[in-house]
Amino acid sequence: MAIKQVGVVGCGLMGGGIAQVTAQAGYPTTVVEASQELLDRGLAAIRRNLDGLVEKGRLEAGQREALLGRLRGSATLEDLREADLVI
C-alpha cells in the first residue's frame, strides 16, 4: 500500500516534530489537535523551527514554503479520514 497522505494526532513537541518531518519528506500531512488554540500554538512552533533552519542555511526559503504548503491543521479527527497512515 502506497502512502499518499499522512495524519498526525497532536501538535505538541512530539506530534509537531513528526508532522514537520513527514511534510519535509514530501507527504501531504494533516495534523489534528484538541482545540484551535493548541493547534495554532503547535503550527507556530513548526514555523519557528523552519525559520531557524532557514536562518542556519540548512533549508532554503522556497523549501520552507513548499513544506508549509503540504502541512494542514485541523481540530477535527474526521479530517484524518483520507490519511493512509495516522501517527
C-alpha atoms as a PDB file:
ATOM      1  CA  MET A   1       0.000   0.000   0.000  1.00  0.00           C
ATOM      2  CA  ALA A   2       1.439   3.350  -1.035  1.00  0.00           C
ATOM      3  CA  ILE A   3       1.299   6.166   1.478  1.00  0.00           C
ATOM      4  CA  LYS A   4      -0.057   9.313  -0.154  1.00  0.00           C
ATOM      5  CA  GLN A   5      -1.442  11.203   2.854  1.00  0.00           C
ATOM      6  CA  VAL A   6      -0.213  11.248   6.470  1.00  0.00           C
ATOM      7  CA  GLY A   7      -2.178  12.218   9.568  1.00  0.00           C
ATOM      8  CA  VAL A   8      -0.711  13.146  12.939  1.00  0.00           C
ATOM      9  CA  VAL A   9      -2.764  13.302  16.129  1.00  0.00           C
ATOM     10  CA  GLY A  10      -1.398  16.020  18.361  1.00  0.00           C
ATOM     11  CA  CYS A  11       0.744  19.038  17.550  1.00  0.00           C
ATOM     12  CA  GLY A  12       2.806  19.311  20.713  1.00  0.00           C
ATOM     13  CA  LEU A  13       6.537  18.782  20.838  1.00  0.00           C
ATOM     14  CA  MET A  14       6.462  15.214  19.508  1.00  0.00           C
ATOM     15  CA  GLY A  15       3.464  15.459  17.166  1.00  0.00           C
ATOM     16  CA  GLY A  16       4.648  18.745  15.715  1.00  0.00           C
ATOM     17  CA  GLY A  17       8.063  17.249  15.052  1.00  0.00           C
ATOM     18  CA  ILE A  18       6.552  14.218  13.366  1.00  0.00           C
ATOM     19  CA  ALA A  19       4.292  16.416  11.227  1.00  0.00           C
ATOM     20  CA  GLN A  20       7.270  18.552  10.229  1.00  0.00           C
ATOM     21  CA  VAL A  21       9.358  15.523   9.249  1.00  0.00           C
ATOM     22  CA  THR A  22       6.597  13.886   7.199  1.00  0.00           C
ATOM     23  CA  ALA A  23       5.851  17.143   5.370  1.00  0.00           C
ATOM     24  CA  GLN A  24       9.584  17.666   4.835  1.00  0.00           C
ATOM     25  CA  ALA A  25       9.750  14.171   3.332  1.00  0.00           C
ATOM     26  CA  GLY A  26       7.168  15.273   0.758  1.00  0.00           C
ATOM     27  CA  TYR A  27       3.962  13.838   2.203  1.00  0.00           C
ATOM     28  CA  PRO A  28       0.819  15.944   2.438  1.00  0.00           C
ATOM     29  CA  THR A  29       0.251  15.964   6.192  1.00  0.00           C
ATOM     30  CA  THR A  30      -2.777  16.790   8.312  1.00  0.00           C
ATOM     31  CA  VAL A  31      -2.122  17.441  11.980  1.00  0.00           C
ATOM     32  CA  VAL A  32      -5.075  17.366  14.392  1.00  0.00           C
ATOM     33  CA  GLU A  33      -5.153  18.949  17.824  1.00  0.00           C
ATOM     34  CA  ALA A  34      -7.859  19.025  20.514  1.00  0.00           C
ATOM     35  CA  SER A  35      -8.549  22.763  20.167  1.00  0.00           C
ATOM     36  CA  GLN A  36      -7.849  25.566  17.738  1.00  0.00           C
ATOM     37  CA  GLU A  37      -5.701  27.296  20.370  1.00  0.00           C
ATOM     38  CA  LEU A  38      -3.424  24.263  20.774  1.00  0.00           C
ATOM     39  CA  LEU A  39      -3.300  23.784  17.012  1.00  0.00           C
ATOM     40  CA  ASP A  40      -2.276  27.402  16.429  1.00  0.00           C
ATOM     41  CA  ARG A  41       0.428  27.105  19.084  1.00  0.00           C
ATOM     42  CA  GLY A  42       1.780  23.883  17.541  1.00  0.00           C
ATOM     43  CA  LEU A  43       1.795  25.210  13.978  1.00  0.00           C
ATOM     44  CA  ALA A  44       3.546  28.394  15.157  1.00  0.00           C
ATOM     45  CA  ALA A  45       6.256  26.241  16.755  1.00  0.00           C
ATOM     46  CA  ILE A  46       6.746  24.361  13.480  1.00  0.00           C
ATOM     47  CA  ARG A  47       7.079  27.672  11.633  1.00  0.00           C
ATOM     48  CA  ARG A  48       9.667  28.883  14.172  1.00  0.00           C
ATOM     49  CA  ASN A  49      11.634  25.645  13.740  1.00  0.00           C
ATOM     50  CA  LEU A  50      11.604  26.036   9.983  1.00  0.00           C
ATOM     51  CA  ASP A  51      12.597  29.708  10.201  1.00  0.00           C
ATOM     52  CA  GLY A  52      15.571  28.651  12.325  1.00  0.00           C
ATOM     53  CA  LEU A  53      16.604  26.091   9.721  1.00  0.00           C
ATOM     54  CA  VAL A  54      16.418  28.764   7.014  1.00  0.00           C
ATOM     55  CA  GLU A  55      18.498  31.180   9.116  1.00  0.00           C
ATOM     56  CA  LYS A  56      21.149  28.493   9.625  1.00  0.00           C
ATOM     57  CA  GLY A  57      21.215  27.739   5.898  1.00  0.00           C
ATOM     58  CA  ARG A  58      20.016  24.166   6.381  1.00  0.00           C
ATOM     59  CA  LEU A  59      16.790  24.816   4.467  1.00  0.00           C
ATOM     60  CA  GLU A  60      16.018  27.224   1.640  1.00  0.00           C
ATOM     61  CA  ALA A  61      13.132  29.664   1.968  1.00  0.00           C
ATOM     62  CA  GLY A  62      11.408  28.056  -1.015  1.00  0.00           C
ATOM     63  CA  GLN A  63      11.668  24.651   0.609  1.00  0.00           C
ATOM     64  CA  ARG A  64      10.108  26.054   3.800  1.00  0.00           C
ATOM     65  CA  GLU A  65       7.173  27.443   1.827  1.00  0.00           C
ATOM     66  CA  ALA A  66       6.700  24.153  -0.052  1.00  0.00           C
ATOM     67  CA  LEU A  67       6.782  22.246   3.237  1.00  0.00           C
ATOM     68  CA  LEU A  68       4.213  24.557   4.811  1.00  0.00           C
ATOM     69  CA  GLY A  69       2.057  24.044   1.712  1.00  0.00           C
ATOM     70  CA  ARG A  70       1.989  20.313   2.451  1.00  0.00           C
ATOM     71  CA  LEU A  71       1.017  20.865   6.094  1.00  0.00           C
ATOM     72  CA  ARG A  72      -2.612  21.294   7.091  1.00  0.00           C
ATOM     73  CA  GLY A  73      -4.026  21.735  10.572  1.00  0.00           C
ATOM     74  CA  SER A  74      -7.408  20.752  11.971  1.00  0.00           C
ATOM     75  CA  ALA A  75      -9.255  20.492  15.259  1.00  0.00           C
ATOM     76  CA  THR A  76     -11.450  17.643  13.973  1.00  0.00           C
ATOM     77  CA  LEU A  77     -10.426  13.975  13.875  1.00  0.00           C
ATOM     78  CA  GLU A  78     -12.781  13.457  10.936  1.00  0.00           C
ATOM     79  CA  ASP A  79     -10.244  15.302   8.768  1.00  0.00           C
ATOM     80  CA  LEU A  80      -7.955  12.268   9.023  1.00  0.00           C
ATOM     81  CA  ARG A  81     -10.340  10.049   7.072  1.00  0.00           C
ATOM     82  CA  GLU A  82      -8.291  10.363   3.857  1.00  0.00           C
ATOM     83  CA  ALA A  83      -4.969   9.571   5.544  1.00  0.00           C
ATOM     84  CA  ASP A  84      -3.210   6.361   4.570  1.00  0.00           C
ATOM     85  CA  LEU A  85      -1.103   6.476   7.741  1.00  0.00           C
ATOM     86  CA  VAL A  86      -2.060   8.047  11.070  1.00  0.00           C
ATOM     87  CA  ILE A  87       0.537   8.572  13.765  1.00  0.00           C
END
